[in-house]
Amino acid sequence: MIDRLLDRLPSALAHDGVALLEIGSDQGSAIAAHVADRLPGWTVRVEPDLAGWPRVAVIERGVAS
């Protein structure tokens, strides 16, 4: 399911847009791997929730994308 969403981001997201995806606390490294595979050159960082658990994946186009 996440791969289908990532595949749509290039056409659905404004060029200077940012995608915010809520993730499970154990999915931080997995989302980073999926973004690297599906969206080469894009950046992803995982932000913690108030308890310090990984919770939001922030995905942005790379400079050359």
PDB file of N, CA and C in Angstrom:
ATOM      1  N   MET A   1       0.817  -1.193   0.000  1.00  0.00           N
ATOM      2  CA  MET A   1       0.000   0.000   0.000  1.00  0.00           C
ATOM      3  C   MET A   1       0.865   1.264   0.000  1.00  0.00           C
ATOM      4  N   ILE A   2       1.896   1.319   0.806  1.00  0.00           N
ATOM      5  CA  ILE A   2       2.745   2.513   0.861  1.00  0.00           C
ATOM      6  C   ILE A   2       3.455   2.743  -0.462  1.00  0.00           C
ATOM      7  N   ASP A   3       3.822   1.662  -1.159  1.00  0.00           N
ATOM      8  CA  ASP A   3       4.501   1.819  -2.440  1.00  0.00           C
ATOM      9  C   ASP A   3       3.601   2.509  -3.461  1.00  0.00           C
ATOM     10  N   ARG A   4       2.317   2.194  -3.461  1.00  0.00           N
ATOM     11  CA  ARG A   4       1.389   2.854  -4.391  1.00  0.00           C
ATOM     12  C   ARG A   4       1.287   4.345  -4.081  1.00  0.00           C
ATOM     13  N   LEU A   5       1.260   4.692  -2.823  1.00  0.00           N
ATOM     14  CA  LEU A   5       1.218   6.097  -2.433  1.00  0.00           C
ATOM     15  C   LEU A   5       2.490   6.809  -2.873  1.00  0.00           C
ATOM     16  N   LEU A   6       3.631   6.206  -2.597  1.00  0.00           N
ATOM     17  CA  LEU A   6       4.901   6.817  -2.995  1.00  0.00           C
ATOM     18  C   LEU A   6       5.006   6.972  -4.509  1.00  0.00           C
ATOM     19  N   ASP A   7       4.500   5.997  -5.260  1.00  0.00           N
ATOM     20  CA  ASP A   7       4.540   6.078  -6.720  1.00  0.00           C
ATOM     21  C   ASP A   7       3.714   7.249  -7.249  1.00  0.00           C
ATOM     22  N   ARG A   8       2.696   7.667  -6.528  1.00  0.00           N
ATOM     23  CA  ARG A   8       1.834   8.772  -6.959  1.00  0.00           C
ATOM     24  C   ARG A   8       2.363  10.149  -6.549  1.00  0.00           C
ATOM     25  N   LEU A   9       3.258  10.200  -5.601  1.00  0.00           N
ATOM     26  CA  LEU A   9       3.718  11.499  -5.091  1.00  0.00           C
ATOM     27  C   LEU A   9       4.292  12.418  -6.167  1.00  0.00           C
ATOM     28  N   PRO A  10       5.115  11.942  -7.094  1.00  0.00           N
ATOM     29  CA  PRO A  10       5.683  12.875  -8.075  1.00  0.00           C
ATOM     30  C   PRO A  10       4.638  13.652  -8.862  1.00  0.00           C
ATOM     31  N   SER A  11       3.519  13.052  -9.183  1.00  0.00           N
ATOM     32  CA  SER A  11       2.490  13.759  -9.947  1.00  0.00           C
ATOM     33  C   SER A  11       1.466  14.448  -9.044  1.00  0.00           C
ATOM     34  N   ALA A  12       1.309  13.995  -7.825  1.00  0.00           N
ATOM     35  CA  ALA A  12       0.291  14.549  -6.933  1.00  0.00           C
ATOM     36  C   ALA A  12       0.797  15.697  -6.060  1.00  0.00           C
ATOM     37  N   LEU A  13       2.089  15.725  -5.807  1.00  0.00           N
ATOM     38  CA  LEU A  13       2.662  16.704  -4.888  1.00  0.00           C
ATOM     39  C   LEU A  13       3.165  17.917  -5.667  1.00  0.00           C
ATOM     40  N   ALA A  14       2.827  19.113  -5.203  1.00  0.00           N
ATOM     41  CA  ALA A  14       3.365  20.330  -5.812  1.00  0.00           C
ATOM     42  C   ALA A  14       4.887  20.273  -5.776  1.00  0.00           C
ATOM     43  N   HIS A  15       5.520  20.945  -6.728  1.00  0.00           N
ATOM     44  CA  HIS A  15       6.977  20.859  -6.832  1.00  0.00           C
ATOM     45  C   HIS A  15       7.674  21.229  -5.520  1.00  0.00           C
ATOM     46  N   ASP A  16       7.138  22.202  -4.816  1.00  0.00           N
ATOM     47  CA  ASP A  16       7.748  22.609  -3.545  1.00  0.00           C
ATOM     48  C   ASP A  16       6.964  22.060  -2.351  1.00  0.00           C
ATOM     49  N   GLY A  17       6.126  21.061  -2.618  1.00  0.00           N
ATOM     50  CA  GLY A  17       5.293  20.481  -1.562  1.00  0.00           C
ATOM     51  C   GLY A  17       6.049  19.512  -0.669  1.00  0.00           C
ATOM     52  N   VAL A  18       5.405  19.172   0.412  1.00  0.00           N
ATOM     53  CA  VAL A  18       5.947  18.237   1.396  1.00  0.00           C
ATOM     54  C   VAL A  18       4.852  17.236   1.742  1.00  0.00           C
ATOM     55  N   ALA A  19       5.180  15.960   1.749  1.00  0.00           N
ATOM     56  CA  ALA A  19       4.237  14.928   2.162  1.00  0.00           C
ATOM     57  C   ALA A  19       4.531  14.544   3.602  1.00  0.00           C
ATOM     58  N   LEU A  20       3.505  14.502   4.424  1.00  0.00           N
ATOM     59  CA  LEU A  20       3.626  14.093   5.816  1.00  0.00           C
ATOM     60  C   LEU A  20       2.834  12.804   5.980  1.00  0.00           C
ATOM     61  N   LEU A  21       3.514  11.743   6.374  1.00  0.00           N
ATOM     62  CA  LEU A  21       2.857  10.454   6.552  1.00  0.00           C
ATOM     63  C   LEU A  21       3.005  10.004   7.993  1.00  0.00           C
ATOM     64  N   GLU A  22       1.894   9.720   8.621  1.00  0.00           N
ATOM     65  CA  GLU A  22       1.953   9.158   9.967  1.00  0.00           C
ATOM     66  C   GLU A  22       2.372   7.699   9.842  1.00  0.00           C
ATOM     67  N   ILE A  23       3.346   7.302  10.653  1.00  0.00           N
ATOM     68  CA  ILE A  23       3.873   5.939  10.586  1.00  0.00           C
ATOM     69  C   ILE A  23       3.830   5.303  11.972  1.00  0.00           C
ATOM     70  N   GLY A  24       3.923   3.997  11.992  1.00  0.00           N
ATOM     71  CA  GLY A  24       4.050   3.283  13.248  1.00  0.00           C
ATOM     72  C   GLY A  24       5.436   3.503  13.820  1.00  0.00           C
ATOM     73  N   SER A  25       5.570   3.415  15.109  1.00  0.00           N
ATOM     74  CA  SER A  25       6.852   3.708  15.758  1.00  0.00           C
ATOM     75  C   SER A  25       7.967   2.751  15.353  1.00  0.00           C
ATOM     76  N   ASP A  26       7.618   1.633  14.730  1.00  0.00           N
ATOM     77  CA  ASP A  26       8.632   0.676  14.284  1.00  0.00           C
ATOM     78  C   ASP A  26       8.876   0.735  12.777  1.00  0.00           C
ATOM     79  N   GLN A  27       8.362   1.760  12.094  1.00  0.00           N
ATOM     80  CA  GLN A  27       8.443   1.811  10.642  1.00  0.00           C
ATOM     81  C   GLN A  27       9.399   2.860  10.089  1.00  0.00           C
ATOM     82  N   GLY A  28      10.158   3.520  10.923  1.00  0.00           N
ATOM     83  CA  GLY A  28      11.042   4.585  10.472  1.00  0.00           C
ATOM     84  C   GLY A  28      12.059   4.152   9.435  1.00  0.00           C
ATOM     85  N   SER A  29      12.781   3.084   9.700  1.00  0.00           N
ATOM     86  CA  SER A  29      13.793   2.645   8.737  1.00  0.00           C
ATOM     87  C   SER A  29      13.151   2.059   7.489  1.00  0.00           C
ATOM     88  N   ALA A  30      11.997   1.433   7.631  1.00  0.00           N
ATOM     89  CA  ALA A  30      11.316   0.856   6.469  1.00  0.00           C
ATOM     90  C   ALA A  30      10.841   1.942   5.516  1.00  0.00           C
ATOM     91  N   ILE A  31      10.279   3.030   6.035  1.00  0.00           N
ATOM     92  CA  ILE A  31       9.804   4.093   5.150  1.00  0.00           C
ATOM     93  C   ILE A  31      10.979   4.745   4.446  1.00  0.00           C
ATOM     94  N   ALA A  32      12.086   4.892   5.130  1.00  0.00           N
ATOM     95  CA  ALA A  32      13.273   5.471   4.499  1.00  0.00           C
ATOM     96  C   ALA A  32      13.748   4.596   3.343  1.00  0.00           C
ATOM     97  N   ALA A  33      13.731   3.290   3.521  1.00  0.00           N
ATOM     98  CA  ALA A  33      14.143   2.369   2.460  1.00  0.00           C
ATOM     99  C   ALA A  33      13.173   2.420   1.291  1.00  0.00           C
ATOM    100  N   HIS A  34      11.878   2.493   1.560  1.00  0.00           N
ATOM    101  CA  HIS A  34      10.882   2.565   0.491  1.00  0.00           C
ATOM    102  C   HIS A  34      11.028   3.851  -0.314  1.00  0.00           C
ATOM    103  N   VAL A  35      11.243   4.972   0.367  1.00  0.00           N
ATOM    104  CA  VAL A  35      11.420   6.242  -0.339  1.00  0.00           C
ATOM    105  C   VAL A  35      12.680   6.190  -1.201  1.00  0.00           C
ATOM    106  N   ALA A  36      13.769   5.674  -0.664  1.00  0.00           N
ATOM    107  CA  ALA A  36      15.012   5.576  -1.448  1.00  0.00           C
ATOM    108  C   ALA A  36      14.823   4.712  -2.692  1.00  0.00           C
ATOM    109  N   ASP A  37      14.036   3.657  -2.559  1.00  0.00           N
ATOM    110  CA  ASP A  37      13.787   2.751  -3.683  1.00  0.00           C
ATOM    111  C   ASP A  37      12.838   3.352  -4.713  1.00  0.00           C
ATOM    112  N   ARG A  38      11.749   3.948  -4.257  1.00  0.00           N
ATOM    113  CA  ARG A  38      10.695   4.440  -5.148  1.00  0.00           C
ATOM    114  C   ARG A  38      10.917   5.864  -5.641  1.00  0.00           C
ATOM    115  N   LEU A  39      11.609   6.675  -4.847  1.00  0.00           N
ATOM    116  CA  LEU A  39      11.774   8.092  -5.178  1.00  0.00           C
ATOM    117  C   LEU A  39      13.244   8.499  -5.065  1.00  0.00           C
ATOM    118  N   PRO A  40      14.090   7.989  -5.941  1.00  0.00           N
ATOM    119  CA  PRO A  40      15.518   8.331  -5.865  1.00  0.00           C
ATOM    120  C   PRO A  40      15.719   9.853  -5.927  1.00  0.00           C
ATOM    121  N   GLY A  41      16.576  10.345  -5.074  1.00  0.00           N
ATOM    122  CA  GLY A  41      16.859  11.773  -5.037  1.00  0.00           C
ATOM    123  C   GLY A  41      15.958  12.559  -4.099  1.00  0.00           C
ATOM    124  N   TRP A  42      14.873  11.951  -3.640  1.00  0.00           N
ATOM    125  CA  TRP A  42      13.995  12.622  -2.686  1.00  0.00           C
ATOM    126  C   TRP A  42      14.570  12.436  -1.286  1.00  0.00           C
ATOM    127  N   THR A  43      14.148  13.292  -0.378  1.00  0.00           N
ATOM    128  CA  THR A  43      14.628  13.178   0.998  1.00  0.00           C
ATOM    129  C   THR A  43      13.488  12.737   1.912  1.00  0.00           C
ATOM    130  N   VAL A  44      13.872  12.044   2.947  1.00  0.00           N
ATOM    131  CA  VAL A  44      12.898  11.651   3.965  1.00  0.00           C
ATOM    132  C   VAL A  44      13.569  11.772   5.321  1.00  0.00           C
ATOM    133  N   ARG A  45      12.822  12.305   6.256  1.00  0.00           N
ATOM    134  CA  ARG A  45      13.280  12.310   7.643  1.00  0.00           C
ATOM    135  C   ARG A  45      12.098  11.911   8.495  1.00  0.00           C
ATOM    136  N   VAL A  46      12.383  11.329   9.620  1.00  0.00           N
ATOM    137  CA  VAL A  46      11.327  10.870  10.515  1.00  0.00           C
ATOM    138  C   VAL A  46      11.365  11.725  11.774  1.00  0.00           C
ATOM    139  N   GLU A  47      10.223  12.322  12.067  1.00  0.00           N
ATOM    140  CA  GLU A  47      10.089  13.193  13.237  1.00  0.00           C
ATOM    141  C   GLU A  47       9.400  12.434  14.368  1.00  0.00           C
ATOM    142  N   PRO A  48       9.824  12.670  15.596  1.00  0.00           N
ATOM    143  CA  PRO A  48       9.211  11.971  16.738  1.00  0.00           C
ATOM    144  C   PRO A  48       7.912  12.642  17.182  1.00  0.00           C
ATOM    145  N   ASP A  49       7.097  11.863  17.881  1.00  0.00           N
ATOM    146  CA  ASP A  49       5.907  12.430  18.522  1.00  0.00           C
ATOM    147  C   ASP A  49       6.320  13.002  19.879  1.00  0.00           C
ATOM    148  N   LEU A  50       5.371  13.452  20.657  1.00  0.00           N
ATOM    149  CA  LEU A  50       5.690  14.075  21.951  1.00  0.00           C
ATOM    150  C   LEU A  50       6.314  13.115  22.945  1.00  0.00           C
ATOM    151  N   ALA A  51       6.108  11.825  22.742  1.00  0.00           N
ATOM    152  CA  ALA A  51       6.708  10.827  23.627  1.00  0.00           C
ATOM    153  C   ALA A  51       8.103  10.420  23.154  1.00  0.00           C
ATOM    154  N   GLY A  52       8.520  10.970  22.016  1.00  0.00           N
ATOM    155  CA  GLY A  52       9.845  10.656  21.498  1.00  0.00           C
ATOM    156  C   GLY A  52       9.880   9.485  20.524  1.00  0.00           C
ATOM    157  N   TRP A  53       8.721   8.910  20.204  1.00  0.00           N
ATOM    158  CA  TRP A  53       8.671   7.776  19.280  1.00  0.00           C
ATOM    159  C   TRP A  53       8.635   8.278  17.836  1.00  0.00           C
ATOM    160  N   PRO A  54       9.315   7.588  16.913  1.00  0.00           N
ATOM    161  CA  PRO A  54       9.228   7.968  15.504  1.00  0.00           C
ATOM    162  C   PRO A  54       7.755   7.933  15.068  1.00  0.00           C
ATOM    163  N   ARG A  55       7.265   9.028  14.456  1.00  0.00           N
ATOM    164  CA  ARG A  55       5.828   9.068  14.175  1.00  0.00           C
ATOM    165  C   ARG A  55       5.450   9.670  12.819  1.00  0.00           C
ATOM    166  N   VAL A  56       6.219  10.624  12.307  1.00  0.00           N
ATOM    167  CA  VAL A  56       5.840  11.275  11.052  1.00  0.00           C
ATOM    168  C   VAL A  56       7.016  11.233  10.077  1.00  0.00           C
ATOM    169  N   ALA A  57       6.746  10.703   8.882  1.00  0.00           N
ATOM    170  CA  ALA A  57       7.749  10.727   7.812  1.00  0.00           C
ATOM    171  C   ALA A  57       7.506  11.992   7.001  1.00  0.00           C
ATOM    172  N   VAL A  58       8.555  12.789   6.839  1.00  0.00           N
ATOM    173  CA  VAL A  58       8.495  14.027   6.074  1.00  0.00           C
ATOM    174  C   VAL A  58       9.247  13.758   4.775  1.00  0.00           C
ATOM    175  N   ILE A  59       8.520  13.797   3.657  1.00  0.00           N
ATOM    176  CA  ILE A  59       9.086  13.436   2.355  1.00  0.00           C
ATOM    177  C   ILE A  59       9.052  14.647   1.438  1.00  0.00           C
ATOM    178  N   GLU A  60      10.225  14.953   0.829  1.00  0.00           N
ATOM    179  CA  GLU A  60      10.339  16.116  -0.060  1.00  0.00           C
ATOM    180  C   GLU A  60      11.131  15.738  -1.305  1.00  0.00           C
ATOM    181  N   ARG A  61      10.844  16.426  -2.389  1.00  0.00           N
ATOM    182  CA  ARG A  61      11.612  16.238  -3.614  1.00  0.00           C
ATOM    183  C   ARG A  61      13.054  16.647  -3.383  1.00  0.00           C
ATOM    184  N   GLY A  62      13.958  15.972  -4.076  1.00  0.00           N
ATOM    185  CA  GLY A  62      15.352  16.389  -4.051  1.00  0.00           C
ATOM    186  C   GLY A  62      15.524  17.633  -4.910  1.00  0.00           C
ATOM    187  N   VAL A  63      16.665  18.218  -4.883  1.00  0.00           N
ATOM    188  CA  VAL A  63      16.949  19.433  -5.629  1.00  0.00           C
ATOM    189  C   VAL A  63      16.753  19.231  -7.130  1.00  0.00           C
ATOM    190  N   ALA A  64      17.191  18.089  -7.657  1.00  0.00           N
ATOM    191  CA  ALA A  64      17.134  17.850  -9.092  1.00  0.00           C
ATOM    192  C   ALA A  64      15.846  17.167  -9.534  1.00  0.00           C
ATOM    193  N   SER A  65      14.946  16.804  -8.622  1.00  0.00           N
ATOM    194  CA  SER A  65      13.736  16.067  -9.007  1.00  0.00           C
ATOM    195  C   SER A  65      12.683  16.958  -9.627  1.00  0.00           C
TER     196      SER A  65
END
